[in-house]
C-alpha atoms as a PDB file:
ATOM      1  CA  MET A   1      33.403 -25.817  20.277  1.00  0.00           C
ATOM      2  CA  GLN A   2      33.593 -22.669  22.317  1.00  0.00           C
ATOM      3  CA  ILE A   3      32.360 -19.211  21.473  1.00  0.00           C
ATOM      4  CA  ARG A   4      35.951 -17.890  21.610  1.00  0.00           C
ATOM      5  CA  GLU A   5      36.639 -19.553  18.288  1.00  0.00           C
ATOM      6  CA  PHE A   6      34.120 -17.257  16.571  1.00  0.00           C
ATOM      7  CA  LEU A   7      35.083 -13.974  18.274  1.00  0.00           C
ATOM      8  CA  PRO A   8      37.674 -11.715  16.636  1.00  0.00           C
ATOM      9  CA  LYS A   9      41.161 -11.968  18.053  1.00  0.00           C
ATOM     10  CA  THR A  10      42.689  -8.685  16.889  1.00  0.00           C
ATOM     11  CA  LEU A  11      41.967  -5.239  18.279  1.00  0.00           C
ATOM     12  CA  PHE A  12      40.753  -4.048  14.854  1.00  0.00           C
ATOM     13  CA  GLY A  13      38.332  -6.978  14.557  1.00  0.00           C
ATOM     14  CA  ARG A  14      36.969  -6.340  18.032  1.00  0.00           C
ATOM     15  CA  MET A  15      36.527  -2.652  17.249  1.00  0.00           C
ATOM     16  CA  LEU A  16      34.624  -3.511  14.083  1.00  0.00           C
ATOM     17  CA  SER A  17      32.354  -5.924  15.902  1.00  0.00           C
ATOM     18  CA  ILE A  18      31.675  -3.414  18.701  1.00  0.00           C
ATOM     19  CA  ILE A  19      30.979  -0.436  16.427  1.00  0.00           C
ATOM     20  CA  LEU A  20      29.705  -1.830  13.143  1.00  0.00           C
ATOM     21  CA  ALA A  21      27.487  -4.674  14.309  1.00  0.00           C
ATOM     22  CA  PRO A  22      25.105  -2.487  16.384  1.00  0.00           C
ATOM     23  CA  MET A  23      25.122   0.210  13.695  1.00  0.00           C
ATOM     24  CA  ILE A  24      24.113  -2.252  10.980  1.00  0.00           C
ATOM     25  CA  PHE A  25      21.534  -3.819  13.299  1.00  0.00           C
ATOM     26  CA  VAL A  26      19.929  -0.428  14.057  1.00  0.00           C
ATOM     27  CA  GLN A  27      19.883   0.521  10.359  1.00  0.00           C
ATOM     28  CA  ILE A  28      18.156  -2.725   9.412  1.00  0.00           C
ATOM     29  CA  ILE A  29      15.492  -2.242  12.088  1.00  0.00           C
ATOM     30  CA  THR A  30      14.984   1.416  11.122  1.00  0.00           C
ATOM     31  CA  VAL A  31      14.595   0.624   7.426  1.00  0.00           C
ATOM     32  CA  PHE A  32      12.156  -2.184   8.184  1.00  0.00           C
ATOM     33  CA  ILE A  33      10.000   0.055  10.409  1.00  0.00           C
ATOM     34  CA  PHE A  34      10.084   2.903   7.872  1.00  0.00           C
ATOM     35  CA  TYR A  35       8.997   0.735   4.963  1.00  0.00           C
ATOM     36  CA  GLU A  36       6.278  -1.005   6.987  1.00  0.00           C
ATOM     37  CA  ARG A  37       4.765   2.335   7.952  1.00  0.00           C
ATOM     38  CA  HIS A  38       5.238   3.700   4.439  1.00  0.00           C
ATOM     39  CA  TRP A  39       3.445   0.789   2.748  1.00  0.00           C
ATOM     40  CA  ASP A  40       0.688   0.913   5.351  1.00  0.00           C
ATOM     41  CA  THR A  41       0.165   4.642   4.736  1.00  0.00           C
ATOM     42  CA  VAL A  42       0.229   4.258   0.946  1.00  0.00           C
ATOM     43  CA  THR A  43      -2.246   1.379   1.104  1.00  0.00           C
ATOM     44  CA  ARG A  44      -4.643   3.366   3.297  1.00  0.00           C
ATOM     45  CA  HIS A  45      -4.466   6.395   1.001  1.00  0.00           C
ATOM     46  CA  MET A  46      -5.037   4.324  -2.133  1.00  0.00           C
ATOM     47  CA  ALA A  47      -7.999   2.517  -0.567  1.00  0.00           C
ATOM     48  CA  SER A  48      -9.484   5.825   0.536  1.00  0.00           C
ATOM     49  CA  SER A  49      -9.040   7.266  -2.939  1.00  0.00           C
ATOM     50  CA  LEU A  50     -10.661   4.254  -4.578  1.00  0.00           C
ATOM     51  CA  THR A  51     -13.669   4.338  -2.267  1.00  0.00           C
ATOM     52  CA  SER A  52     -14.142   8.061  -2.842  1.00  0.00           C
ATOM     53  CA  GLU A  53     -14.074   7.494  -6.615  1.00  0.00           C
ATOM     54  CA  PHE A  54     -16.738   4.799  -6.323  1.00  0.00           C
ATOM     55  CA  ALA A  55     -18.782   7.005  -4.003  1.00  0.00           C
ATOM     56  CA  TYR A  56     -18.614   9.795  -6.572  1.00  0.00           C
ATOM     57  CA  LEU A  57     -19.774   7.488  -9.358  1.00  0.00           C
ATOM     58  CA  LEU A  58     -22.602   6.066  -7.239  1.00  0.00           C
ATOM     59  CA  GLU A  59     -23.695   9.567  -6.254  1.00  0.00           C
ATOM     60  CA  GLU A  60     -23.794  10.537  -9.906  1.00  0.00           C
ATOM     61  CA  LEU A  61     -25.948   7.510 -10.682  1.00  0.00           C
ATOM     62  CA  GLY A  62     -28.735   8.427  -8.311  1.00  0.00           C
ATOM     63  CA  SER A  63     -31.439   6.047  -7.200  1.00  0.00           C
ATOM     64  CA  ASP A  64     -32.957   5.138 -10.588  1.00  0.00           C
ATOM     65  CA  PRO A  65     -30.669   6.063 -13.492  1.00  0.00           C
ATOM     66  CA  SER A  66     -31.685   5.812 -17.119  1.00  0.00           C
ATOM     67  CA  ASP A  67     -29.694   3.798 -19.649  1.00  0.00           C
ATOM     68  CA  GLU A  68     -28.093   6.962 -21.070  1.00  0.00           C
ATOM     69  CA  GLU A  69     -27.003   8.078 -17.586  1.00  0.00           C
ATOM     70  CA  LEU A  70     -25.555   4.626 -16.949  1.00  0.00           C
ATOM     71  CA  GLN A  71     -23.545   4.766 -20.139  1.00  0.00           C
ATOM     72  CA  THR A  72     -22.328   8.275 -19.346  1.00  0.00           C
ATOM     73  CA  ILE A  73     -21.254   7.279 -15.830  1.00  0.00           C
ATOM     74  CA  MET A  74     -19.485   4.157 -17.120  1.00  0.00           C
ATOM     75  CA  ASP A  75     -17.669   6.323 -19.669  1.00  0.00           C
ATOM     76  CA  HIS A  76     -16.676   8.757 -16.912  1.00  0.00           C
ATOM     77  CA  GLY A  77     -15.396   5.852 -14.838  1.00  0.00           C
ATOM     78  CA  TRP A  78     -13.256   4.631 -17.690  1.00  0.00           C
ATOM     79  CA  ASN A  79     -11.974   8.052 -18.792  1.00  0.00           C
ATOM     80  CA  PHE A  80     -11.270   9.657 -15.441  1.00  0.00           C
ATOM     81  CA  PHE A  81     -10.561   6.755 -13.122  1.00  0.00           C
ATOM     82  CA  LEU A  82      -9.046   4.313 -15.639  1.00  0.00           C
ATOM     83  CA  SER A  83     -11.232   1.466 -14.516  1.00  0.00           C
ATOM     84  CA  ASP A  84     -14.139  -0.280 -16.111  1.00  0.00           C
ATOM     85  CA  GLN A  85     -17.257   0.170 -14.004  1.00  0.00           C
ATOM     86  CA  LEU A  86     -19.930  -2.453 -14.454  1.00  0.00           C
ATOM     87  CA  TYR A  87     -23.425  -1.628 -13.301  1.00  0.00           C
ATOM     88  CA  GLN A  88     -26.299  -4.043 -13.600  1.00  0.00           C
ATOM     89  CA  ARG A  89     -29.839  -3.314 -12.645  1.00  0.00           C
ATOM     90  CA  CYS A  90     -31.285  -5.448  -9.888  1.00  0.00           C
ATOM     91  CA  GLN A  91     -33.920  -7.785 -11.205  1.00  0.00           C
ATOM     92  CA  PRO A  92     -36.938  -8.523  -8.984  1.00  0.00           C
ATOM     93  CA  VAL A  93     -37.043 -12.089  -7.785  1.00  0.00           C
END
């Protein structure tokens, strides 16, 4: 089995393999690189947004919140950030 058996024999087939194969190869690599960078950027932005939302909620809580403040902050977390925030007081050991 030689490699000549797999190569195109006509001029049109050779032209297609010379022009189209590298073009398709470059497009596949370009799309892969674009989507990798895109998903990486989107993931970083979403993580940054989530941490800033939690930082906002923790800043609103303060150091020693009352039960009413806790309920208000948990309601804000659910209404504005569409996530259920659970806060439990630390119990002394």
